[in-house]
Protein backbone atom coordinates (compact mmCIF):
# COMPACT_ATOMS: atom_id res chain seq x y z
CA MET A 1 63.21 100.71 90.83
CA ALA A 2 66.33 100.08 88.82
CA LEU A 3 68.66 101.67 91.12
CA LEU A 4 66.40 100.03 93.88
CA MET A 5 67.83 96.78 92.03
CA MET A 6 71.15 97.43 91.91
CA SER A 7 71.45 98.51 95.65
CA LEU A 8 69.67 95.41 96.94
CA ASP A 9 72.58 93.47 95.20
CA GLY A 10 74.53 95.11 97.33
CA THR A 11 73.59 93.99 100.63
CA ILE A 12 71.81 90.93 99.98
CA VAL A 13 74.64 88.98 98.93
CA ALA A 14 76.49 90.22 101.95
CA THR A 15 73.91 88.74 104.27
CA ALA A 16 74.32 85.14 102.06
CA LEU A 17 78.07 85.01 102.38
CA PRO A 18 78.49 82.32 105.21
CA ALA A 19 75.89 80.45 103.66
CA LEU A 20 77.16 80.95 100.17
CA GLN A 21 80.60 79.65 101.23
CA ARG A 22 79.20 76.76 102.60
CA GLY A 23 77.20 75.65 99.61
CA LEU A 24 79.79 76.54 97.23
CA GLY A 25 82.40 74.80 99.58
CA THR A 26 85.09 77.77 98.70
CA THR A 27 86.80 80.10 101.43
CA VAL A 28 85.90 83.38 102.60
CA ASN A 29 88.24 84.71 100.67
CA TRP A 30 86.83 83.26 97.40
CA ALA A 31 83.46 84.40 98.95
CA GLY A 32 84.70 87.86 99.70
CA TRP A 33 85.38 88.50 96.07
CA THR A 34 81.36 88.42 94.92
CA LEU A 35 81.16 91.43 96.74
CA THR A 36 84.46 92.96 95.09
CA ALA A 37 83.69 91.92 91.73
CA TYR A 38 80.49 93.21 91.45
CA SER A 39 82.42 96.77 92.63
CA PHE A 40 84.97 96.02 90.27
CA GLY A 41 82.41 95.46 87.16
CA PHE A 42 81.17 99.05 88.30
CA VAL A 43 84.46 100.40 88.42
CA VAL A 44 85.41 99.47 85.10
CA MET A 45 82.41 99.87 83.29
CA LEU A 46 81.18 103.32 84.81
CA PRO A 47 82.90 105.62 83.13
CA LEU A 48 82.12 103.63 79.75
CA SER A 49 78.29 103.87 80.50
CA GLY A 50 78.53 107.58 80.94
CA MET A 51 80.37 107.58 77.61
CA LEU A 52 78.12 105.50 75.79
CA SER A 53 75.06 107.17 77.00
CA GLY A 54 76.05 110.39 75.27
CA ARG A 55 77.03 108.41 72.06
CA TYR A 56 73.63 106.24 71.58
CA GLY A 57 71.17 107.56 73.83
CA ARG A 58 70.52 107.82 77.33
CA ARG A 59 67.27 105.39 76.66
CA ARG A 60 68.83 102.95 74.73
CA VAL A 61 71.86 102.37 77.20
CA PHE A 62 69.13 102.25 79.97
CA LEU A 63 67.51 99.63 78.56
CA GLY A 64 70.58 97.73 77.65
CA SER A 65 71.96 98.03 81.42
CA VAL A 66 68.69 96.51 82.51
CA VAL A 67 68.70 93.22 80.35
CA THR A 68 72.18 92.11 81.03
CA PHE A 69 71.86 92.72 84.43
CA THR A 70 68.52 90.87 84.93
CA ALA A 71 70.04 88.24 82.93
CA ALA A 72 73.35 87.92 84.31
CA SER A 73 71.32 87.30 87.93
CA LEU A 74 69.70 84.42 86.55
CA PHE A 75 73.04 82.86 85.79
CA CYS A 76 74.25 83.68 89.12
CA GLY A 77 71.74 82.17 90.59
CA LEU A 78 72.68 78.88 88.82
CA ALA A 79 76.26 78.86 88.78
CA ASP A 80 78.13 75.66 90.52
CA ASN A 81 80.83 76.87 91.32
CA ILE A 82 82.86 80.22 93.05
CA PHE A 83 84.90 81.40 90.14
CA ALA A 84 81.76 80.92 87.70
CA LEU A 85 79.38 83.24 90.33
CA ILE A 86 82.87 85.69 90.55
CA ALA A 87 82.90 86.24 86.85
CA LEU A 88 79.07 86.93 86.44
CA ARG A 89 78.71 88.96 89.46
CA ALA A 90 81.28 91.19 87.31
CA LEU A 91 78.98 90.77 84.21
CA GLN A 92 76.04 91.63 86.42
CA ALA A 93 77.77 95.08 87.79
CA ALA A 94 78.68 95.83 84.38
CA GLY A 95 75.01 95.96 83.34
CA GLY A 96 74.09 98.06 86.41
CA ALA A 97 77.00 100.50 86.13
CA GLY A 98 74.42 101.81 83.20
CA PHE A 99 71.74 102.63 85.47
CA THR A 100 72.94 105.91 87.51
CA PRO A 101 74.22 107.76 84.45
CA SER A 102 71.92 107.15 81.54
CA ALA A 103 68.91 107.56 84.48
CA THR A 104 70.78 110.72 85.73
CA GLY A 105 71.38 112.34 82.11
CA ILE A 106 67.80 111.12 81.68
CA ILE A 107 66.70 113.67 84.99
CA VAL A 108 68.92 116.43 83.90
CA ASP A 109 67.36 116.84 80.49
CA HIS A 110 63.73 116.46 81.30
CA PHE A 111 63.32 118.17 85.01
CA GLY A 112 64.83 121.89 84.14
CA ASP A 113 65.01 124.04 86.58
CA ALA A 114 64.36 121.66 89.33
CA ARG A 115 66.61 118.99 88.23
CA ASP A 116 68.74 119.68 91.47
CA ARG A 117 66.27 118.29 93.85
CA ALA A 118 65.28 115.63 91.24
CA VAL A 119 68.74 114.27 91.29
CA SER A 120 68.96 114.34 94.90
CA LEU A 121 65.66 112.37 95.69
CA PHE A 122 66.36 109.91 92.62
CA GLY A 123 69.73 109.56 94.81
CA SER A 124 67.70 108.74 98.05
CA ILE A 125 66.03 105.73 96.53
CA PHE A 126 69.23 103.96 96.53
CA PRO A 127 69.42 103.54 100.68
CA ILE A 128 66.08 101.48 100.24
CA GLY A 129 67.84 98.74 98.72
CA ALA A 130 70.52 98.27 100.80
CA MET A 131 67.87 98.31 103.52
CA ILE A 132 65.65 95.68 102.61
CA GLY A 133 68.49 93.73 100.97
CA PRO A 134 69.62 92.13 103.89
CA ILE A 135 65.90 91.41 105.05
CA PHE A 136 65.48 89.40 101.79
CA GLY A 137 68.86 87.95 101.89
CA GLY A 138 68.27 86.34 105.67
CA LEU A 139 64.74 84.97 104.48
CA PHE A 140 66.38 83.22 101.70
CA VAL A 141 69.37 81.89 103.59
CA THR A 142 67.23 81.01 106.59
CA TYR A 143 64.03 79.56 104.38
CA TRP A 144 65.46 79.06 101.24
CA SER A 145 68.80 78.74 99.69
CA TRP A 146 71.54 81.82 98.95
CA ARG A 147 70.55 81.59 95.20
CA GLY A 148 67.42 83.22 95.75
CA VAL A 149 69.56 86.17 96.43
CA PHE A 150 69.79 86.45 92.54
CA PHE A 151 66.61 84.99 91.30
CA VAL A 152 64.74 87.77 93.06
CA ASN A 153 65.96 90.44 90.58
CA LEU A 154 64.34 88.62 87.96
CA PRO A 155 60.30 90.11 88.35
CA ILE A 156 62.03 93.47 89.19
CA GLY A 157 64.06 93.73 86.13
CA ALA A 158 60.95 92.37 83.78
CA ALA A 159 59.23 95.13 85.34
CA ILE A 160 61.36 97.49 84.72
CA LEU A 161 61.49 96.72 80.98
CA VAL A 162 57.95 97.16 80.78
CA LEU A 163 57.34 100.46 82.54
CA VAL A 164 60.47 101.54 80.64
CA LEU A 165 59.16 101.02 77.14
CA ARG A 166 56.03 102.67 78.39
CA TYR A 167 57.44 105.95 80.40
CA ILE A 168 60.35 106.70 79.57
CA PRO A 169 60.77 108.94 76.59
CA ARG A 170 62.64 108.07 73.23
CA ASP A 171 65.95 109.71 72.45
CA PRO A 172 66.24 111.94 70.40
CA PRO A 173 68.24 111.50 66.74
CA LEU A 174 71.75 111.60 67.17
CA ALA A 175 74.22 113.16 65.30
CA LYS A 176 76.70 110.35 63.76
CA SER A 177 79.47 112.43 63.07
CA ALA A 178 79.50 113.86 67.32
CA ALA A 179 80.06 109.88 68.47
CA PRO A 180 84.03 109.80 69.49
CA LYS A 181 86.06 106.93 68.73
CA MET A 182 85.67 104.36 71.99
CA ASP A 183 89.31 104.51 74.02
CA MET A 184 89.98 100.81 73.83
CA ALA A 185 93.45 100.97 75.15
CA GLY A 186 92.05 103.12 78.14
CA MET A 187 89.81 100.66 79.24
CA VAL A 188 91.81 97.78 78.83
CA LEU A 189 94.84 99.43 81.06
CA LEU A 190 92.37 100.77 83.52
CA GLY A 191 90.80 96.96 84.08
CA ILE A 192 94.19 95.20 84.28
CA GLY A 193 95.00 97.62 87.03
CA LEU A 194 92.46 97.59 88.88
CA LEU A 195 92.07 93.57 88.82
CA ALA A 196 95.90 93.50 89.55
CA SER A 197 95.27 95.65 92.74
CA MET A 198 92.70 93.35 93.61
CA VAL A 199 94.76 90.18 93.42
CA ALA A 200 97.03 91.33 95.12
CA VAL A 201 95.30 92.94 98.04
CA SER A 202 93.34 89.27 98.23
CA SER A 203 96.34 87.02 98.24
CA LEU A 204 97.12 88.19 101.45
CA GLY A 205 94.12 86.15 102.71
CA ALA A 206 95.72 83.00 101.49
CA GLU A 207 97.92 80.79 103.64
CA LYS A 208 101.47 81.77 103.87
CA ALA A 209 101.35 84.48 101.65
CA GLY A 210 103.24 87.70 103.25
CA PRO A 211 103.49 91.33 101.97
CA TRP A 212 107.21 90.04 100.50
CA SER A 213 105.71 86.85 98.87
CA ALA A 214 105.42 86.60 94.81
CA ALA A 215 101.55 86.22 94.89
CA PHE A 216 101.28 89.93 96.43
CA VAL A 217 104.48 91.79 95.21
CA VAL A 218 103.82 90.46 91.11
CA PRO A 219 100.33 91.85 90.62
CA LEU A 220 101.35 95.04 92.72
CA ILE A 221 104.06 95.54 90.45
CA ILE A 222 101.45 95.51 87.31
CA ALA A 223 98.76 97.11 89.26
CA SER A 224 101.35 100.28 89.72
CA VAL A 225 102.66 100.18 86.15
CA THR A 226 99.28 100.02 84.36
CA LEU A 227 97.56 102.47 86.47
CA TRP A 228 100.61 104.65 85.77
CA LEU A 229 100.03 104.17 81.98
CA PHE A 230 96.26 104.96 82.46
CA PHE A 231 96.73 108.21 83.98
CA ARG A 232 99.63 109.05 81.38
CA HIS A 233 97.38 107.59 78.67
CA ILE A 234 94.34 109.80 79.36
CA LYS A 235 96.34 113.27 79.45
CA ARG A 236 97.54 112.34 75.57
CA ALA A 237 94.99 111.14 74.27
CA ALA A 238 91.79 112.72 71.88
CA ASN A 239 88.97 111.34 73.72
CA PRO A 240 89.88 109.89 76.54
CA PHE A 241 87.88 106.73 78.48
CA MET A 242 88.11 109.49 81.56
CA ILE A 243 88.30 113.24 80.99
CA PRO A 244 90.87 114.10 83.44
CA ARG A 245 90.07 117.30 84.55
CA LEU A 246 87.08 115.80 85.82
CA ILE A 247 88.88 113.09 87.61
CA TYR A 248 91.35 115.46 89.83
CA GLY A 249 90.85 118.63 88.64
CA SER A 250 91.48 121.58 91.41
CA LYS A 251 87.17 121.86 91.77
CA PHE A 252 86.54 118.09 91.12
CA GLY A 253 89.52 116.10 92.87
CA PRO A 254 88.15 117.13 96.47
CA VAL A 255 84.36 116.03 95.46
CA ASN A 256 85.66 113.04 93.85
CA LEU A 257 88.26 112.22 97.65
CA LEU A 258 85.00 112.81 99.36
CA ASN A 259 83.03 110.16 97.78
CA ALA A 260 85.70 107.46 98.30
CA ILE A 261 86.57 107.98 101.51
CA TYR A 262 83.29 108.74 103.12
CA GLY A 263 81.16 106.87 101.04
CA GLY A 264 82.91 104.20 99.41
CA PHE A 265 84.74 103.22 102.41
CA SER A 266 81.71 103.15 104.75
CA MET A 267 79.64 101.42 102.30
CA GLY A 268 82.21 98.48 102.34
CA ALA A 269 82.44 98.69 105.66
CA MET A 270 78.62 98.36 106.32
CA ALA A 271 78.31 95.68 103.82
CA LEU A 272 80.11 93.66 106.22
CA ILE A 273 77.86 94.43 109.00
CA PRO A 274 76.34 91.10 108.47
CA VAL A 275 79.88 88.98 109.10
CA TYR A 276 80.33 91.12 111.85
CA ALA A 277 77.20 90.04 113.79
CA GLU A 278 78.11 86.24 112.70
CA ASN A 279 81.67 86.62 113.86
CA ARG A 280 81.43 88.64 116.96
CA TYR A 281 78.19 88.18 118.49
CA GLY A 282 76.84 84.91 116.80
CA LEU A 283 73.80 86.31 115.40
CA GLY A 284 72.06 84.38 113.08
CA ALA A 285 71.65 85.36 109.31
CA LEU A 286 68.03 86.36 109.63
CA ASP A 287 68.89 88.89 112.58
CA SER A 288 72.40 89.92 111.12
CA GLY A 289 70.61 90.91 107.70
CA THR A 290 68.22 92.90 109.17
CA LEU A 291 70.84 95.04 110.99
CA LEU A 292 71.50 97.46 108.06
CA VAL A 293 67.29 98.03 107.95
CA ALA A 294 68.03 100.71 110.78
CA GLN A 295 70.61 102.57 108.76
CA GLY A 296 68.61 102.51 105.28
CA ILE A 297 65.85 104.03 107.23
CA ALA A 298 68.35 106.72 108.52
CA THR A 299 69.71 107.30 105.49
CA VAL A 300 66.30 107.73 103.13
CA LEU A 301 65.08 110.04 105.77
CA LEU A 302 67.91 112.23 105.79
CA SER A 303 68.65 112.01 102.12
CA VAL A 304 64.90 113.32 101.38
CA THR A 305 65.06 116.12 104.32
CA THR A 306 68.53 117.40 103.18
CA ALA A 307 67.86 117.67 99.53
CA LEU A 308 65.22 119.88 100.09
CA VAL A 309 67.48 122.44 102.28
CA LEU A 310 70.49 122.01 100.24
CA ARG A 311 69.80 125.06 98.24
CA ARG A 312 69.68 127.24 101.27
CA THR A 313 72.34 125.43 103.44
CA GLY A 314 74.73 124.85 100.79
CA TYR A 315 77.23 122.18 100.35
CA ARG A 316 79.86 122.28 103.32
CA LEU A 317 77.77 122.29 106.15
CA PRO A 318 76.16 119.04 105.49
CA LEU A 319 79.38 117.47 104.47
CA TYR A 320 80.76 118.39 107.82
CA VAL A 321 77.98 117.22 110.07
CA GLY A 322 77.35 113.99 108.08
CA GLY A 323 81.09 113.31 108.21
CA THR A 324 81.45 113.67 111.90
CA VAL A 325 78.10 111.58 112.30
CA ILE A 326 79.12 108.70 110.42
CA ALA A 327 82.95 108.51 112.27
CA ALA A 328 80.85 108.60 115.46
CA GLY A 329 78.53 105.39 114.07
CA MET A 330 81.74 103.58 113.00
CA PHE A 331 83.14 104.36 116.65
CA LEU A 332 80.10 102.66 118.32
CA LEU A 333 80.50 99.64 116.26
CA ALA A 334 83.82 98.86 117.34
CA ARG A 335 83.08 99.31 120.43
CA ALA A 336 81.41 96.72 123.14
CA PRO A 337 77.66 97.13 123.33
CA ALA A 338 76.83 99.57 126.76
CA PHE A 339 73.98 100.55 129.12
CA GLY A 340 72.58 97.05 129.08
CA LEU A 341 71.35 97.20 125.17
CA SER A 342 71.42 93.67 123.75
CA PRO A 343 74.03 93.47 120.30
CA TYR A 344 71.37 93.30 118.29
CA THR A 345 70.32 96.84 119.67
CA TRP A 346 73.52 98.14 119.91
CA LEU A 347 74.75 96.74 116.35
CA ALA A 348 71.34 98.42 115.10
CA SER A 349 71.80 101.69 116.50
CA SER A 350 75.03 102.18 115.49
CA ALA A 351 74.10 101.41 111.90
CA PHE A 352 71.36 103.91 112.54
CA LEU A 353 73.78 106.41 113.42
CA VAL A 354 75.74 105.73 110.37
CA GLY A 355 72.81 106.05 108.22
CA LEU A 356 72.03 109.58 109.64
CA GLY A 357 75.47 110.86 108.37
CA SER A 358 75.32 109.32 105.11
CA GLY A 359 71.62 110.77 104.39
CA THR A 360 73.28 113.86 105.20
CA ILE A 361 76.33 113.75 102.96
CA ASN A 362 74.39 111.98 100.12
CA PRO A 363 72.54 115.08 98.45
CA ALA A 364 75.44 117.36 98.85
CA SER A 365 78.04 114.93 97.62
CA ARG A 366 75.89 113.67 94.45
CA ILE A 367 75.16 117.33 93.53
CA ALA A 368 78.76 119.01 94.49
CA GLY A 369 80.56 118.25 91.47
CA LEU A 370 77.49 117.98 88.62
CA GLN A 371 76.29 121.51 89.04
CA LEU A 372 79.76 122.21 87.77
CA ALA A 373 79.42 120.97 84.48
CA PRO A 374 75.45 119.96 83.94
CA GLU A 375 76.40 118.96 80.34
CA GLN A 376 78.68 116.63 81.84
CA SER A 377 75.80 115.06 83.91
CA SER A 378 76.25 111.60 82.74
CA SER A 379 79.89 111.18 82.75
CA LEU A 380 79.63 112.81 86.21
CA ALA A 381 77.15 110.58 87.82
CA ALA A 382 79.48 107.88 86.19
CA LEU A 383 82.40 108.90 88.11
CA ARG A 384 80.75 109.71 91.31
CA SER A 385 79.64 106.20 91.37
CA LEU A 386 82.95 104.99 90.26
CA PHE A 387 85.18 106.93 93.19
CA LEU A 388 82.61 105.13 95.59
CA GLN A 389 82.71 101.70 94.24
CA ALA A 390 86.85 102.22 94.31
CA GLY A 391 86.22 102.89 97.91
CA SER A 392 84.34 99.89 98.57
CA ILE A 393 86.72 97.82 96.56
CA VAL A 394 89.50 98.89 99.45
CA ALA A 395 87.20 98.64 102.03
CA ILE A 396 85.99 94.97 101.01
CA SER A 397 89.44 93.49 99.35
CA ILE A 398 91.37 94.86 102.89
CA ALA A 399 88.91 93.45 105.37
CA THR A 400 88.53 90.20 103.85
CA ALA A 401 92.20 89.44 103.39
CA ILE A 402 92.74 90.18 107.01
CA LEU A 403 89.90 88.33 108.04
CA ALA A 404 90.67 85.38 106.45
CA VAL A 405 93.95 84.51 108.35
CA SER A 406 92.59 86.01 111.38
CA GLY A 407 92.12 83.72 114.36
CA MET A 408 89.83 86.36 116.37
CA PRO A 409 87.89 87.68 113.47
CA GLY A 410 85.36 89.56 115.30
CA ALA A 411 87.83 91.61 117.55
CA VAL A 412 89.83 92.46 114.29
CA GLN A 413 87.03 93.35 112.74
CA ALA A 414 86.23 95.99 115.33
CA SER A 415 89.89 97.25 115.00
CA MET A 416 89.00 98.26 111.40
CA TYR A 417 85.67 100.06 112.03
CA ALA A 418 87.69 102.03 114.95
CA THR A 419 90.39 102.75 112.60
CA LEU A 420 87.89 103.71 110.03
CA ALA A 421 86.47 106.14 112.41
CA VAL A 422 89.69 107.92 113.04
CA LEU A 423 90.40 107.91 108.95
CA LEU A 424 86.74 109.95 108.72
CA ILE A 425 87.75 112.56 111.33
CA VAL A 426 91.56 113.17 109.83
CA MET A 427 89.65 113.45 106.42
CA LEU A 428 87.20 116.07 107.78
CA PRO A 429 89.47 119.22 106.22
CA VAL A 430 89.20 117.96 102.81
CA ILE A 431 85.69 119.36 102.93
CA ALA A 432 86.99 122.85 103.17
CA LYS A 433 88.09 122.45 99.41
CA ILE A 434 84.56 121.10 97.88
CA PRO A 435 83.14 124.30 95.91
CA GLU A 436 80.21 125.78 97.45
CA HIS A 437 77.03 127.06 96.02
CA ARG A 438 73.27 127.99 97.29
CA GLY A 439 70.31 128.04 94.98
CA SER A 440 69.61 126.57 92.11
CA TRP A 441 71.65 125.64 89.03
């Protein structure tokens, strides 16, 4: 239910972007920041939540995450200006960042030899939120208000709290001496670097801004310096915010790169489909919001199926097949409807194809790194989500910045989908570097 609530907010807000933009009297660039800030909060807090899960216990972190996410959702719905909403979206994501690491650790701790399948099936719930989010978003925008996309989390969060207290086992006593010191310097450097990067990209969407303007160059320099200092810091720190080996080690690096490109880029591109449907084909909020239902259904079906056969197929085959299918779906999204199909049917069919590919990739990309170091399950789950969100940040930030200055946003967004399809094909050789494995672990 927590993962459902978290994924719900990834797509439900995308559906409400045009209404949110009008309701708060802001630009499409700033409205897009409600998605980017959500991803930013995840990226900064995910490694910390993985560390906190090991330090204070999975259940405690899970409970705290639910409370933070639910409270932030309430205040998001009450926000009266775009800047307050952006800040609250980052806080909301900071709460949601604790869900996956703590829950993955709980599953690894309690499911024994079945943990590989349990983790894969647990992750297959995520697309359900992405599937029903646009439906709720379209309904709220059409019949109520964009504020409903945040208020919907309140009853879900309350139910989760009750169920956690009743059913999830208490954390075992933790030895205080084993708790590492918090790497505040690493957290600050990463946060500044990511925020400066997002400001630089977003500035390109402002009027009279360009690649040589101070609004772009200054934050870009800040981002480059602080991110360089961050990687230098984690190599030297005794207890780094992120363990370097888990980020770019010979086995973990390809897994993280694959998650950023095939997971994050695709996730960001699909989150903007409702905007694409409105800009290019003039579809209403309710119709455009339901487009991702097909993708969600396909992703859930293929995630469950692939999780059950992954011990036989190994990791690379599903990754090759899924990556190719996602690229094909992106190509179709970029094309105009064919075979006499309506724009809605064409977009829904293309999204369904992307969902088939995503569902095929998800279990393998989730387990490929985890099985290398199960004792680091919370940290690895956090890193996987981090690279997914980082890829989503890049995709959404660049897309909204370009769309903000475009006179033909529908045609430009179509070109973006075509470009992403080419990138996905070009990056397929990376899969050969993914550690292969068959059987349980």
